Amino acid sequence: MATGATTGASGGESGGAVPGASLHWRALESLYASAPINQLFESRLTVLGEGAARIAFTIDRQVHHAAGAAHGTIYFKMLDDAAFYAANTLVTDRFLLTTSFNLHFVRPVRSGRVVAEGRWISGRRRVLVAESRLVDHTGEEIGRGTGTFMRSRIALSGLPGYRID
């Protein structure tokens, strides 16, 4: 299991991290990919470093509301997941739970590649705070959010999708 020690966010995939942290980050990516909900969408999580995560997602008609744009649940899922995984990079033993999330819709999106970028802001012990932003394929911001995440009693090592290879 990863130790959780790192030398800080680097913006690169493993630069600036001790080997255990990089293994934890890859296991988080595996955990995301293994979640049944994520089988419904074309999406991919990449942990960029301590406190930083990115989710690329494809928007198509399947996620539209009646007026022909992505439903708000899609905004929430992407923003919450990006912030959640950014925060969980700092917690190597427990699965985090979202306790609150504030979401701001900026503009609608109908189709194309969308990226959610999550960034840890504060807290390391019991409660962590992270923010995320959502940008469309042109680089325009379409949403943003801030979440509060709490350590659960669920051990990461006990989750089948959390694999350290």
Protein backbone atom coordinates (compact mmCIF):
# COMPACT_ATOMS: atom_id res chain seq x y z
CA MET A 1 0.00 0.00 0.00
CA ALA A 2 1.16 3.53 -0.72
CA THR A 3 2.61 5.58 2.08
CA GLY A 4 1.04 8.85 1.05
CA ALA A 5 4.26 10.84 1.25
CA THR A 6 4.96 13.11 -1.69
CA THR A 7 7.08 16.08 -2.44
CA GLY A 8 4.25 18.12 -3.91
CA ALA A 9 2.18 18.56 -7.03
CA SER A 10 4.25 18.70 -10.12
CA GLY A 11 1.74 18.90 -12.94
CA GLY A 12 3.38 15.82 -14.44
CA GLU A 13 2.25 12.26 -14.09
CA SER A 14 4.89 11.17 -11.61
CA GLY A 15 7.48 13.94 -11.34
CA GLY A 16 8.05 15.08 -7.77
CA ALA A 17 6.41 12.05 -6.17
CA VAL A 18 7.87 9.21 -4.18
CA PRO A 19 7.16 5.84 -5.83
CA GLY A 20 4.41 4.91 -3.33
CA ALA A 21 2.41 7.99 -4.22
CA SER A 22 2.58 7.21 -7.92
CA LEU A 23 1.33 3.67 -7.23
CA HIS A 24 -1.56 5.13 -5.21
CA TRP A 25 -2.46 7.48 -8.06
CA ARG A 26 -2.51 4.64 -10.61
CA ALA A 27 -4.68 2.59 -8.22
CA LEU A 28 -7.12 5.54 -7.99
CA GLU A 29 -7.31 5.61 -11.79
CA SER A 30 -8.06 1.89 -11.73
CA LEU A 31 -10.73 2.44 -9.06
CA TYR A 32 -12.43 5.08 -11.23
CA ALA A 33 -12.37 2.80 -14.28
CA SER A 34 -13.85 -0.10 -12.28
CA ALA A 35 -16.91 1.78 -10.96
CA PRO A 36 -20.08 0.47 -12.64
CA ILE A 37 -21.41 4.03 -13.17
CA ASN A 38 -18.38 4.87 -15.30
CA GLN A 39 -19.22 2.05 -17.72
CA LEU A 40 -22.16 4.21 -18.87
CA PHE A 41 -19.93 7.01 -20.15
CA GLU A 42 -16.90 7.46 -22.34
CA SER A 43 -14.59 8.96 -19.72
CA ARG A 44 -11.08 8.58 -18.33
CA LEU A 45 -9.46 9.74 -15.10
CA THR A 46 -5.83 10.83 -15.03
CA VAL A 47 -4.19 11.71 -11.71
CA LEU A 48 -1.69 14.46 -12.50
CA GLY A 49 0.05 14.63 -9.12
CA GLU A 50 -0.64 15.34 -5.50
CA GLY A 51 -3.94 17.20 -5.28
CA ALA A 52 -4.60 17.24 -9.03
CA ALA A 53 -6.86 15.10 -11.23
CA ARG A 54 -8.38 15.38 -14.69
CA ILE A 55 -11.34 13.58 -16.23
CA ALA A 56 -11.91 13.63 -19.98
CA PHE A 57 -15.48 12.92 -20.99
CA THR A 58 -17.42 12.78 -24.25
CA ILE A 59 -20.81 14.53 -24.39
CA ASP A 60 -23.38 13.14 -26.82
CA ARG A 61 -27.20 12.94 -27.19
CA GLN A 62 -27.47 10.17 -24.58
CA VAL A 63 -26.84 12.67 -21.77
CA HIS A 64 -29.10 15.48 -23.09
CA HIS A 65 -32.11 16.93 -21.31
CA ALA A 66 -35.28 17.76 -23.28
CA ALA A 67 -33.83 21.05 -24.60
CA GLY A 68 -30.88 19.34 -26.29
CA ALA A 69 -27.89 20.05 -24.04
CA ALA A 70 -26.06 18.02 -21.38
CA HIS A 71 -28.17 17.46 -18.27
CA GLY A 72 -26.94 19.00 -15.02
CA THR A 73 -26.33 15.58 -13.53
CA ILE A 74 -23.46 15.19 -16.00
CA TYR A 75 -21.92 18.48 -14.88
CA PHE A 76 -22.21 17.38 -11.26
CA LYS A 77 -20.74 13.93 -11.87
CA MET A 78 -17.71 15.22 -13.72
CA LEU A 79 -17.02 18.10 -11.33
CA ASP A 80 -17.58 15.99 -8.21
CA ASP A 81 -15.41 13.15 -9.50
CA ALA A 82 -12.52 15.45 -10.49
CA ALA A 83 -12.54 17.22 -7.11
CA PHE A 84 -13.01 13.93 -5.24
CA TYR A 85 -10.05 12.22 -6.92
CA ALA A 86 -7.86 15.31 -6.49
CA ALA A 87 -8.59 15.14 -2.75
CA ASN A 88 -8.19 11.35 -2.54
CA THR A 89 -4.63 11.66 -3.87
CA LEU A 90 -3.76 12.91 -0.37
CA VAL A 91 -5.52 10.04 1.44
CA THR A 92 -3.95 6.64 0.85
CA ASP A 93 -5.83 4.47 3.32
CA ARG A 94 -9.52 5.45 3.09
CA PHE A 95 -12.16 6.11 0.47
CA LEU A 96 -13.50 9.65 0.69
CA LEU A 97 -17.19 10.59 0.69
CA THR A 98 -18.67 13.80 -0.69
CA THR A 99 -20.38 15.66 2.16
CA SER A 100 -21.29 18.78 0.18
CA PHE A 101 -20.80 20.14 -3.30
CA ASN A 102 -21.58 23.60 -4.69
CA LEU A 103 -22.03 23.72 -8.43
CA HIS A 104 -22.14 26.73 -10.75
CA PHE A 105 -23.38 26.28 -14.30
CA VAL A 106 -21.69 28.73 -16.66
CA ARG A 107 -23.00 27.68 -20.06
CA PRO A 108 -24.59 24.70 -21.80
CA VAL A 109 -22.71 22.10 -23.80
CA ARG A 110 -24.26 19.94 -26.50
CA SER A 111 -21.50 17.66 -27.73
CA GLY A 112 -17.79 17.01 -27.87
CA ARG A 113 -14.93 16.40 -25.51
CA VAL A 114 -15.19 18.01 -22.08
CA VAL A 115 -12.50 18.04 -19.40
CA ALA A 116 -13.01 18.34 -15.65
CA GLU A 117 -9.92 19.55 -13.78
CA GLY A 118 -9.86 18.97 -10.03
CA ARG A 119 -7.54 20.64 -7.52
CA TRP A 120 -7.19 20.08 -3.78
CA ILE A 121 -7.49 23.33 -1.79
CA SER A 122 -7.21 22.54 1.93
CA GLY A 123 -7.48 19.98 4.70
CA ARG A 124 -5.59 16.74 5.13
CA ARG A 125 -6.92 14.96 8.17
CA ARG A 126 -10.65 14.33 8.46
CA VAL A 127 -12.15 16.80 5.96
CA LEU A 128 -10.67 17.90 2.64
CA VAL A 129 -11.80 20.66 0.28
CA ALA A 130 -11.25 20.58 -3.47
CA GLU A 131 -12.47 22.57 -6.44
CA SER A 132 -13.00 21.68 -10.05
CA ARG A 133 -13.73 23.35 -13.34
CA LEU A 134 -15.27 22.03 -16.51
CA VAL A 135 -14.10 23.19 -19.95
CA ASP A 136 -15.45 22.32 -23.38
CA HIS A 137 -13.45 21.31 -26.46
CA THR A 138 -12.76 24.98 -27.28
CA GLY A 139 -11.30 25.66 -23.84
CA GLU A 140 -14.30 27.68 -22.62
CA GLU A 141 -15.36 27.16 -19.03
CA ILE A 142 -18.85 25.64 -18.81
CA GLY A 143 -19.06 24.93 -15.07
CA ARG A 144 -17.23 24.95 -11.78
CA GLY A 145 -17.68 23.57 -8.30
CA THR A 146 -16.28 23.19 -4.82
CA GLY A 147 -16.68 20.10 -2.69
CA THR A 148 -16.09 18.97 0.86
CA PHE A 149 -14.93 15.40 1.30
CA MET A 150 -14.67 13.31 4.45
CA ARG A 151 -12.72 10.15 5.20
CA SER A 152 -15.02 7.13 5.34
CA ARG A 153 -14.55 3.85 7.18
CA ILE A 154 -14.06 2.11 3.84
CA ALA A 155 -10.48 0.97 3.32
CA LEU A 156 -9.19 1.63 -0.19
CA SER A 157 -7.25 -1.65 -0.03
CA GLY A 158 -10.54 -3.54 0.40
CA LEU A 159 -12.09 -2.19 -2.80
CA PRO A 160 -11.71 -4.58 -5.76
CA GLY A 161 -10.99 -1.78 -8.25
CA TYR A 162 -8.17 -0.27 -6.16
CA ARG A 163 -5.24 -2.19 -7.61
CA ILE A 164 -1.60 -1.41 -7.06
CA ASP A 165 0.30 -3.18 -9.84
